[in-house]
Amino acid sequence: MGWIKNAVLNRKEFKSLSWWENFMGGHVSFGPVTIYGENAMHWAVNIRTKRWGYICFRLPLRCFGKWWPLYFYFSPNGTPWAATFKLGRV
């Protein structure tokens, strides 16, 4: 929760980057749910489950000024190549 306080008080970890790049470029985890921001994951969500492994999907948001293909897949280890079920281009 320290990152929320730093974002509100504008305490940047990397001074040369903008506020958006500093606080929305990483990821946030809440228990088994991880939300990736505007970084190499392109606004993705991974949910860890005991039954299906990881449920992974991309949020329909622009990243780096363009749209990226949406995907949805189940994977035992969270990678697209091991997906047991998938929709979209992974």
PDB file of N, CA and C in Angstrom:
ATOM      1  N   MET A   1       0.814  -1.203   0.000  1.00  0.00           N
ATOM      2  CA  MET A   1       0.000   0.000   0.000  1.00  0.00           C
ATOM      3  C   MET A   1       0.851   1.259   0.000  1.00  0.00           C
ATOM      4  N   GLY A   2       2.160   1.108   0.134  1.00  0.00           N
ATOM      5  CA  GLY A   2       3.041   2.263   0.107  1.00  0.00           C
ATOM      6  C   GLY A   2       3.049   2.964  -1.240  1.00  0.00           C
ATOM      7  N   TRP A   3       2.803   2.200  -2.315  1.00  0.00           N
ATOM      8  CA  TRP A   3       2.819   2.809  -3.640  1.00  0.00           C
ATOM      9  C   TRP A   3       1.660   3.782  -3.820  1.00  0.00           C
ATOM     10  N   ILE A   4       0.511   3.527  -3.152  1.00  0.00           N
ATOM     11  CA  ILE A   4      -0.631   4.444  -3.251  1.00  0.00           C
ATOM     12  C   ILE A   4      -0.279   5.780  -2.599  1.00  0.00           C
ATOM     13  N   LYS A   5       0.325   5.712  -1.413  1.00  0.00           N
ATOM     14  CA  LYS A   5       0.733   6.934  -0.719  1.00  0.00           C
ATOM     15  C   LYS A   5       1.752   7.702  -1.552  1.00  0.00           C
ATOM     16  N   ASN A   6       2.713   6.995  -2.138  1.00  0.00           N
ATOM     17  CA  ASN A   6       3.716   7.651  -2.977  1.00  0.00           C
ATOM     18  C   ASN A   6       3.086   8.279  -4.221  1.00  0.00           C
ATOM     19  N   ALA A   7       2.083   7.612  -4.800  1.00  0.00           N
ATOM     20  CA  ALA A   7       1.425   8.162  -5.984  1.00  0.00           C
ATOM     21  C   ALA A   7       0.654   9.430  -5.634  1.00  0.00           C
ATOM     22  N   VAL A   8      -0.055   9.410  -4.513  1.00  0.00           N
ATOM     23  CA  VAL A   8      -0.831  10.583  -4.097  1.00  0.00           C
ATOM     24  C   VAL A   8       0.094  11.754  -3.769  1.00  0.00           C
ATOM     25  N   LEU A   9       1.189  11.464  -3.089  1.00  0.00           N
ATOM     26  CA  LEU A   9       2.127  12.523  -2.702  1.00  0.00           C
ATOM     27  C   LEU A   9       3.146  12.836  -3.795  1.00  0.00           C
ATOM     28  N   ASN A  10       3.016  12.157  -4.940  1.00  0.00           N
ATOM     29  CA  ASN A  10       3.888  12.362  -6.092  1.00  0.00           C
ATOM     30  C   ASN A  10       5.364  12.118  -5.761  1.00  0.00           C
ATOM     31  N   ARG A  11       5.636  11.076  -4.983  1.00  0.00           N
ATOM     32  CA  ARG A  11       7.016  10.672  -4.683  1.00  0.00           C
ATOM     33  C   ARG A  11       7.465   9.681  -5.733  1.00  0.00           C
ATOM     34  N   LYS A  12       8.177  10.158  -6.725  1.00  0.00           N
ATOM     35  CA  LYS A  12       8.588   9.324  -7.840  1.00  0.00           C
ATOM     36  C   LYS A  12       9.824   8.502  -7.489  1.00  0.00           C
ATOM     37  N   GLU A  13       9.820   7.238  -7.917  1.00  0.00           N
ATOM     38  CA  GLU A  13      11.005   6.391  -7.757  1.00  0.00           C
ATOM     39  C   GLU A  13      12.049   6.766  -8.808  1.00  0.00           C
ATOM     40  N   PHE A  14      11.592   7.047 -10.031  1.00  0.00           N
ATOM     41  CA  PHE A  14      12.471   7.452 -11.119  1.00  0.00           C
ATOM     42  C   PHE A  14      12.131   8.893 -11.487  1.00  0.00           C
ATOM     43  N   LYS A  15      12.968   9.827 -11.117  1.00  0.00           N
ATOM     44  CA  LYS A  15      12.669  11.259 -11.259  1.00  0.00           C
ATOM     45  C   LYS A  15      12.507  11.700 -12.710  1.00  0.00           C
ATOM     46  N   SER A  16      13.187  11.031 -13.650  1.00  0.00           N
ATOM     47  CA  SER A  16      13.133  11.479 -15.043  1.00  0.00           C
ATOM     48  C   SER A  16      11.863  11.049 -15.763  1.00  0.00           C
ATOM     49  N   LEU A  17      11.103  10.103 -15.186  1.00  0.00           N
ATOM     50  CA  LEU A  17       9.871   9.641 -15.817  1.00  0.00           C
ATOM     51  C   LEU A  17       8.673  10.451 -15.346  1.00  0.00           C
ATOM     52  N   SER A  18       7.618  10.448 -16.151  1.00  0.00           N
ATOM     53  CA  SER A  18       6.399  11.170 -15.784  1.00  0.00           C
ATOM     54  C   SER A  18       5.680  10.444 -14.654  1.00  0.00           C
ATOM     55  N   TRP A  19       4.674  11.104 -14.078  1.00  0.00           N
ATOM     56  CA  TRP A  19       3.889  10.476 -13.010  1.00  0.00           C
ATOM     57  C   TRP A  19       3.262   9.187 -13.521  1.00  0.00           C
ATOM     58  N   TRP A  20       2.671   9.241 -14.722  1.00  0.00           N
ATOM     59  CA  TRP A  20       2.004   8.072 -15.294  1.00  0.00           C
ATOM     60  C   TRP A  20       2.977   6.909 -15.454  1.00  0.00           C
ATOM     61  N   GLU A  21       4.172   7.187 -15.980  1.00  0.00           N
ATOM     62  CA  GLU A  21       5.157   6.124 -16.189  1.00  0.00           C
ATOM     63  C   GLU A  21       5.662   5.555 -14.865  1.00  0.00           C
ATOM     64  N   ASN A  22       5.780   6.373 -13.843  1.00  0.00           N
ATOM     65  CA  ASN A  22       6.257   5.907 -12.545  1.00  0.00           C
ATOM     66  C   ASN A  22       5.254   5.017 -11.838  1.00  0.00           C
ATOM     67  N   PHE A  23       3.979   5.405 -11.837  1.00  0.00           N
ATOM     68  CA  PHE A  23       3.007   4.710 -11.006  1.00  0.00           C
ATOM     69  C   PHE A  23       2.085   3.763 -11.767  1.00  0.00           C
ATOM     70  N   MET A  24       2.040   3.830 -13.080  1.00  0.00           N
ATOM     71  CA  MET A  24       1.208   2.913 -13.854  1.00  0.00           C
ATOM     72  C   MET A  24       2.038   2.000 -14.735  1.00  0.00           C
ATOM     73  N   GLY A  25       3.332   2.016 -14.594  1.00  0.00           N
ATOM     74  CA  GLY A  25       4.200   1.190 -15.421  1.00  0.00           C
ATOM     75  C   GLY A  25       4.546  -0.145 -14.806  1.00  0.00           C
ATOM     76  N   GLY A  26       4.186  -0.388 -13.578  1.00  0.00           N
ATOM     77  CA  GLY A  26       4.541  -1.641 -12.910  1.00  0.00           C
ATOM     78  C   GLY A  26       3.365  -2.584 -12.798  1.00  0.00           C
ATOM     79  N   HIS A  27       3.239  -3.201 -11.645  1.00  0.00           N
ATOM     80  CA  HIS A  27       2.122  -4.104 -11.411  1.00  0.00           C
ATOM     81  C   HIS A  27       1.679  -4.016  -9.955  1.00  0.00           C
ATOM     82  N   VAL A  28       0.444  -4.447  -9.713  1.00  0.00           N
ATOM     83  CA  VAL A  28      -0.138  -4.445  -8.378  1.00  0.00           C
ATOM     84  C   VAL A  28      -0.722  -5.829  -8.145  1.00  0.00           C
ATOM     85  N   SER A  29      -0.460  -6.406  -6.972  1.00  0.00           N
ATOM     86  CA  SER A  29      -0.989  -7.729  -6.632  1.00  0.00           C
ATOM     87  C   SER A  29      -1.902  -7.637  -5.422  1.00  0.00           C
ATOM     88  N   PHE A  30      -3.043  -8.274  -5.529  1.00  0.00           N
ATOM     89  CA  PHE A  30      -4.006  -8.402  -4.437  1.00  0.00           C
ATOM     90  C   PHE A  30      -4.299  -9.884  -4.278  1.00  0.00           C
ATOM     91  N   GLY A  31      -3.603 -10.549  -3.382  1.00  0.00           N
ATOM     92  CA  GLY A  31      -3.780 -11.996  -3.211  1.00  0.00           C
ATOM     93  C   GLY A  31      -3.405 -12.717  -4.488  1.00  0.00           C
ATOM     94  N   PRO A  32      -4.324 -13.498  -5.062  1.00  0.00           N
ATOM     95  CA  PRO A  32      -4.001 -14.256  -6.275  1.00  0.00           C
ATOM     96  C   PRO A  32      -4.154 -13.455  -7.575  1.00  0.00           C
ATOM     97  N   VAL A  33      -4.537 -12.194  -7.491  1.00  0.00           N
ATOM     98  CA  VAL A  33      -4.762 -11.364  -8.682  1.00  0.00           C
ATOM     99  C   VAL A  33      -3.611 -10.382  -8.861  1.00  0.00           C
ATOM    100  N   THR A  34      -3.036 -10.366 -10.064  1.00  0.00           N
ATOM    101  CA  THR A  34      -1.990  -9.406 -10.409  1.00  0.00           C
ATOM    102  C   THR A  34      -2.458  -8.606 -11.606  1.00  0.00           C
ATOM    103  N   ILE A  35      -2.413  -7.277 -11.477  1.00  0.00           N
ATOM    104  CA  ILE A  35      -2.790  -6.380 -12.566  1.00  0.00           C
ATOM    105  C   ILE A  35      -1.521  -5.679 -13.030  1.00  0.00           C
ATOM    106  N   TYR A  36      -1.192  -5.870 -14.302  1.00  0.00           N
ATOM    107  CA  TYR A  36      -0.004  -5.252 -14.888  1.00  0.00           C
ATOM    108  C   TYR A  36      -0.412  -3.965 -15.575  1.00  0.00           C
ATOM    109  N   GLY A  37       0.372  -2.932 -15.396  1.00  0.00           N
ATOM    110  CA  GLY A  37       0.060  -1.624 -15.962  1.00  0.00           C
ATOM    111  C   GLY A  37       0.598  -1.453 -17.364  1.00  0.00           C
ATOM    112  N   GLU A  38       0.914  -0.206 -17.697  1.00  0.00           N
ATOM    113  CA  GLU A  38       1.384   0.125 -19.041  1.00  0.00           C
ATOM    114  C   GLU A  38       2.864  -0.225 -19.139  1.00  0.00           C
ATOM    115  N   ASN A  39       3.131  -1.508 -19.364  1.00  0.00           N
ATOM    116  CA  ASN A  39       4.499  -1.999 -19.507  1.00  0.00           C
ATOM    117  C   ASN A  39       4.493  -3.093 -20.565  1.00  0.00           C
ATOM    118  N   ALA A  40       5.444  -3.989 -20.544  1.00  0.00           N
ATOM    119  CA  ALA A  40       5.522  -5.045 -21.560  1.00  0.00           C
ATOM    120  C   ALA A  40       4.298  -5.960 -21.551  1.00  0.00           C
ATOM    121  N   MET A  41       3.558  -6.002 -20.443  1.00  0.00           N
ATOM    122  CA  MET A  41       2.355  -6.848 -20.367  1.00  0.00           C
ATOM    123  C   MET A  41       1.130  -6.163 -20.981  1.00  0.00           C
ATOM    124  N   HIS A  42       1.201  -4.889 -21.303  1.00  0.00           N
ATOM    125  CA  HIS A  42       0.116  -4.158 -21.970  1.00  0.00           C
ATOM    126  C   HIS A  42      -1.225  -4.259 -21.246  1.00  0.00           C
ATOM    127  N   TRP A  43      -1.300  -3.841 -20.003  1.00  0.00           N
ATOM    128  CA  TRP A  43      -2.537  -3.833 -19.209  1.00  0.00           C
ATOM    129  C   TRP A  43      -3.149  -5.239 -19.129  1.00  0.00           C
ATOM    130  N   ALA A  44      -2.451  -6.149 -18.528  1.00  0.00           N
ATOM    131  CA  ALA A  44      -2.899  -7.543 -18.414  1.00  0.00           C
ATOM    132  C   ALA A  44      -3.310  -7.865 -16.988  1.00  0.00           C
ATOM    133  N   VAL A  45      -4.092  -8.933 -16.848  1.00  0.00           N
ATOM    134  CA  VAL A  45      -4.515  -9.436 -15.541  1.00  0.00           C
ATOM    135  C   VAL A  45      -4.213 -10.931 -15.488  1.00  0.00           C
ATOM    136  N   ASN A  46      -3.576 -11.369 -14.419  1.00  0.00           N
ATOM    137  CA  ASN A  46      -3.336 -12.793 -14.175  1.00  0.00           C
ATOM    138  C   ASN A  46      -3.994 -13.161 -12.853  1.00  0.00           C
ATOM    139  N   ILE A  47      -4.768 -14.222 -12.867  1.00  0.00           N
ATOM    140  CA  ILE A  47      -5.437 -14.708 -11.660  1.00  0.00           C
ATOM    141  C   ILE A  47      -4.964 -16.139 -11.414  1.00  0.00           C
ATOM    142  N   ARG A  48      -4.385 -16.382 -10.265  1.00  0.00           N
ATOM    143  CA  ARG A  48      -3.874 -17.710  -9.918  1.00  0.00           C
ATOM    144  C   ARG A  48      -4.980 -18.524  -9.240  1.00  0.00           C
ATOM    145  N   THR A  49      -5.250 -19.711  -9.770  1.00  0.00           N
ATOM    146  CA  THR A  49      -6.264 -20.590  -9.192  1.00  0.00           C
ATOM    147  C   THR A  49      -5.659 -21.978  -8.966  1.00  0.00           C
ATOM    148  N   LYS A  50      -6.262 -22.744  -8.081  1.00  0.00           N
ATOM    149  CA  LYS A  50      -5.798 -24.119  -7.852  1.00  0.00           C
ATOM    150  C   LYS A  50      -6.307 -25.056  -8.945  1.00  0.00           C
ATOM    151  N   ARG A  51      -7.485 -24.790  -9.469  1.00  0.00           N
ATOM    152  CA  ARG A  51      -8.105 -25.696 -10.438  1.00  0.00           C
ATOM    153  C   ARG A  51      -7.525 -25.547 -11.843  1.00  0.00           C
ATOM    154  N   TRP A  52      -7.381 -24.320 -12.347  1.00  0.00           N
ATOM    155  CA  TRP A  52      -6.963 -24.088 -13.726  1.00  0.00           C
ATOM    156  C   TRP A  52      -5.551 -23.530 -13.854  1.00  0.00           C
ATOM    157  N   GLY A  53      -4.856 -23.342 -12.797  1.00  0.00           N
ATOM    158  CA  GLY A  53      -3.542 -22.702 -12.879  1.00  0.00           C
ATOM    159  C   GLY A  53      -3.734 -21.200 -12.932  1.00  0.00           C
ATOM    160  N   TYR A  54      -3.316 -20.592 -14.018  1.00  0.00           N
ATOM    161  CA  TYR A  54      -3.458 -19.146 -14.190  1.00  0.00           C
ATOM    162  C   TYR A  54      -4.524 -18.843 -15.232  1.00  0.00           C
ATOM    163  N   ILE A  55      -5.343 -17.844 -14.947  1.00  0.00           N
ATOM    164  CA  ILE A  55      -6.286 -17.303 -15.917  1.00  0.00           C
ATOM    165  C   ILE A  55      -5.713 -15.950 -16.316  1.00  0.00           C
ATOM    166  N   CYS A  56      -5.405 -15.795 -17.565  1.00  0.00           N
ATOM    167  CA  CYS A  56      -4.717 -14.585 -18.038  1.00  0.00           C
ATOM    168  C   CYS A  56      -5.535 -13.911 -19.132  1.00  0.00           C
ATOM    169  N   PHE A  57      -5.615 -12.580 -19.078  1.00  0.00           N
ATOM    170  CA  PHE A  57      -6.297 -11.832 -20.130  1.00  0.00           C
ATOM    171  C   PHE A  57      -5.778 -10.408 -20.164  1.00  0.00           C
ATOM    172  N   ARG A  58      -5.981  -9.766 -21.295  1.00  0.00           N
ATOM    173  CA  ARG A  58      -5.550  -8.382 -21.482  1.00  0.00           C
ATOM    174  C   ARG A  58      -6.763  -7.478 -21.401  1.00  0.00           C
ATOM    175  N   LEU A  59      -6.605  -6.346 -20.729  1.00  0.00           N
ATOM    176  CA  LEU A  59      -7.678  -5.354 -20.630  1.00  0.00           C
ATOM    177  C   LEU A  59      -7.750  -4.551 -21.925  1.00  0.00           C
ATOM    178  N   PRO A  60      -8.939  -4.146 -22.362  1.00  0.00           N
ATOM    179  CA  PRO A  60      -9.077  -3.403 -23.621  1.00  0.00           C
ATOM    180  C   PRO A  60      -8.719  -1.924 -23.456  1.00  0.00           C
ATOM    181  N   LEU A  61      -7.453  -1.647 -23.209  1.00  0.00           N
ATOM    182  CA  LEU A  61      -6.956  -0.278 -23.050  1.00  0.00           C
ATOM    183  C   LEU A  61      -5.792  -0.041 -24.001  1.00  0.00           C
ATOM    184  N   ARG A  62      -5.628   1.209 -24.426  1.00  0.00           N
ATOM    185  CA  ARG A  62      -4.482   1.557 -25.268  1.00  0.00           C
ATOM    186  C   ARG A  62      -3.205   1.495 -24.440  1.00  0.00           C
ATOM    187  N   CYS A  63      -2.137   1.057 -25.059  1.00  0.00           N
ATOM    188  CA  CYS A  63      -0.843   1.005 -24.390  1.00  0.00           C
ATOM    189  C   CYS A  63       0.218   1.474 -25.372  1.00  0.00           C
ATOM    190  N   PHE A  64       1.036   2.412 -24.946  1.00  0.00           N
ATOM    191  CA  PHE A  64       2.064   3.005 -25.799  1.00  0.00           C
ATOM    192  C   PHE A  64       1.465   3.589 -27.070  1.00  0.00           C
ATOM    193  N   GLY A  65       0.259   4.159 -26.961  1.00  0.00           N
ATOM    194  CA  GLY A  65      -0.365   4.859 -28.079  1.00  0.00           C
ATOM    195  C   GLY A  65      -1.019   3.979 -29.124  1.00  0.00           C
ATOM    196  N   LYS A  66      -1.142   2.676 -28.896  1.00  0.00           N
ATOM    197  CA  LYS A  66      -1.800   1.820 -29.880  1.00  0.00           C
ATOM    198  C   LYS A  66      -2.579   0.714 -29.195  1.00  0.00           C
ATOM    199  N   TRP A  67      -3.423   0.039 -29.976  1.00  0.00           N
ATOM    200  CA  TRP A  67      -4.202  -1.089 -29.479  1.00  0.00           C
ATOM    201  C   TRP A  67      -3.427  -2.369 -29.699  1.00  0.00           C
ATOM    202  N   TRP A  68      -3.447  -3.242 -28.712  1.00  0.00           N
ATOM    203  CA  TRP A  68      -2.783  -4.537 -28.821  1.00  0.00           C
ATOM    204  C   TRP A  68      -3.853  -5.620 -28.858  1.00  0.00           C
ATOM    205  N   PRO A  69      -3.567  -6.758 -29.490  1.00  0.00           N
ATOM    206  CA  PRO A  69      -4.578  -7.827 -29.578  1.00  0.00           C
ATOM    207  C   PRO A  69      -5.002  -8.312 -28.190  1.00  0.00           C
ATOM    208  N   LEU A  70      -6.300  -8.582 -28.055  1.00  0.00           N
ATOM    209  CA  LEU A  70      -6.812  -9.102 -26.785  1.00  0.00           C
ATOM    210  C   LEU A  70      -6.606 -10.608 -26.728  1.00  0.00           C
ATOM    211  N   TYR A  71      -6.445 -11.125 -25.534  1.00  0.00           N
ATOM    212  CA  TYR A  71      -6.327 -12.569 -25.358  1.00  0.00           C
ATOM    213  C   TYR A  71      -6.969 -12.995 -24.049  1.00  0.00           C
ATOM    214  N   PHE A  72      -7.259 -14.276 -23.974  1.00  0.00           N
ATOM    215  CA  PHE A  72      -7.805 -14.891 -22.767  1.00  0.00           C
ATOM    216  C   PHE A  72      -7.355 -16.341 -22.804  1.00  0.00           C
ATOM    217  N   TYR A  73      -6.641 -16.789 -21.771  1.00  0.00           N
ATOM    218  CA  TYR A  73      -6.209 -18.177 -21.759  1.00  0.00           C
ATOM    219  C   TYR A  73      -6.044 -18.716 -20.341  1.00  0.00           C
ATOM    220  N   PHE A  74      -6.104 -20.044 -20.238  1.00  0.00           N
ATOM    221  CA  PHE A  74      -5.814 -20.773 -18.994  1.00  0.00           C
ATOM    222  C   PHE A  74      -4.477 -21.464 -19.205  1.00  0.00           C
ATOM    223  N   SER A  75      -3.611 -21.382 -18.209  1.00  0.00           N
ATOM    224  CA  SER A  75      -2.297 -21.991 -18.339  1.00  0.00           C
ATOM    225  C   SER A  75      -1.824 -22.487 -16.977  1.00  0.00           C
ATOM    226  N   PRO A  76      -1.224 -23.681 -16.916  1.00  0.00           N
ATOM    227  CA  PRO A  76      -0.745 -24.183 -15.632  1.00  0.00           C
ATOM    228  C   PRO A  76       0.405 -23.369 -15.055  1.00  0.00           C
ATOM    229  N   ASN A  77       1.192 -22.707 -15.919  1.00  0.00           N
ATOM    230  CA  ASN A  77       2.331 -21.933 -15.424  1.00  0.00           C
ATOM    231  C   ASN A  77       2.292 -20.454 -15.812  1.00  0.00           C
ATOM    232  N   GLY A  78       1.208 -19.984 -16.372  1.00  0.00           N
ATOM    233  CA  GLY A  78       1.045 -18.565 -16.689  1.00  0.00           C
ATOM    234  C   GLY A  78       1.631 -18.133 -18.021  1.00  0.00           C
ATOM    235  N   THR A  79       2.144 -19.058 -18.808  1.00  0.00           N
ATOM    236  CA  THR A  79       2.718 -18.698 -20.104  1.00  0.00           C
ATOM    237  C   THR A  79       1.773 -19.121 -21.227  1.00  0.00           C
ATOM    238  N   PRO A  80       1.741 -18.362 -22.326  1.00  0.00           N
ATOM    239  CA  PRO A  80       0.817 -18.702 -23.418  1.00  0.00           C
ATOM    240  C   PRO A  80       1.163 -20.016 -24.120  1.00  0.00           C
ATOM    241  N   TRP A  81       2.408 -20.385 -24.189  1.00  0.00           N
ATOM    242  CA  TRP A  81       2.768 -21.611 -24.925  1.00  0.00           C
ATOM    243  C   TRP A  81       2.264 -22.868 -24.214  1.00  0.00           C
ATOM    244  N   ALA A  82       1.993 -22.800 -22.904  1.00  0.00           N
ATOM    245  CA  ALA A  82       1.488 -23.960 -22.171  1.00  0.00           C
ATOM    246  C   ALA A  82      -0.027 -23.892 -21.962  1.00  0.00           C
ATOM    247  N   ALA A  83      -0.701 -22.996 -22.673  1.00  0.00           N
ATOM    248  CA  ALA A  83      -2.141 -22.792 -22.465  1.00  0.00           C
ATOM    249  C   ALA A  83      -2.942 -24.050 -22.782  1.00  0.00           C
ATOM    250  N   THR A  84      -3.894 -24.368 -21.909  1.00  0.00           N
ATOM    251  CA  THR A  84      -4.791 -25.503 -22.137  1.00  0.00           C
ATOM    252  C   THR A  84      -6.086 -25.047 -22.814  1.00  0.00           C
ATOM    253  N   PHE A  85      -6.379 -23.754 -22.764  1.00  0.00           N
ATOM    254  CA  PHE A  85      -7.533 -23.157 -23.421  1.00  0.00           C
ATOM    255  C   PHE A  85      -7.170 -21.723 -23.756  1.00  0.00           C
ATOM    256  N   LYS A  86      -7.504 -21.268 -24.962  1.00  0.00           N
ATOM    257  CA  LYS A  86      -7.209 -19.878 -25.304  1.00  0.00           C
ATOM    258  C   LYS A  86      -8.196 -19.323 -26.310  1.00  0.00           C
ATOM    259  N   LEU A  87      -8.403 -18.029 -26.212  1.00  0.00           N
ATOM    260  CA  LEU A  87      -9.209 -17.256 -27.157  1.00  0.00           C
ATOM    261  C   LEU A  87      -8.375 -16.056 -27.570  1.00  0.00           C
ATOM    262  N   GLY A  88      -8.439 -15.699 -28.828  1.00  0.00           N
ATOM    263  CA  GLY A  88      -7.683 -14.547 -29.295  1.00  0.00           C
ATOM    264  C   GLY A  88      -6.258 -14.907 -29.666  1.00  0.00           C
ATOM    265  N   ARG A  89      -5.515 -13.890 -30.048  1.00  0.00           N
ATOM    266  CA  ARG A  89      -4.130 -14.079 -30.461  1.00  0.00           C
ATOM    267  C   ARG A  89      -3.217 -13.951 -29.258  1.00  0.00           C
ATOM    268  N   VAL A  90      -2.518 -14.999 -28.935  1.00  0.00           N
ATOM    269  CA  VAL A  90      -1.616 -14.991 -27.770  1.00  0.00           C
ATOM    270  C   VAL A  90      -0.195 -14.973 -28.248  1.00  0.00           C
TER     271      VAL A  90
END
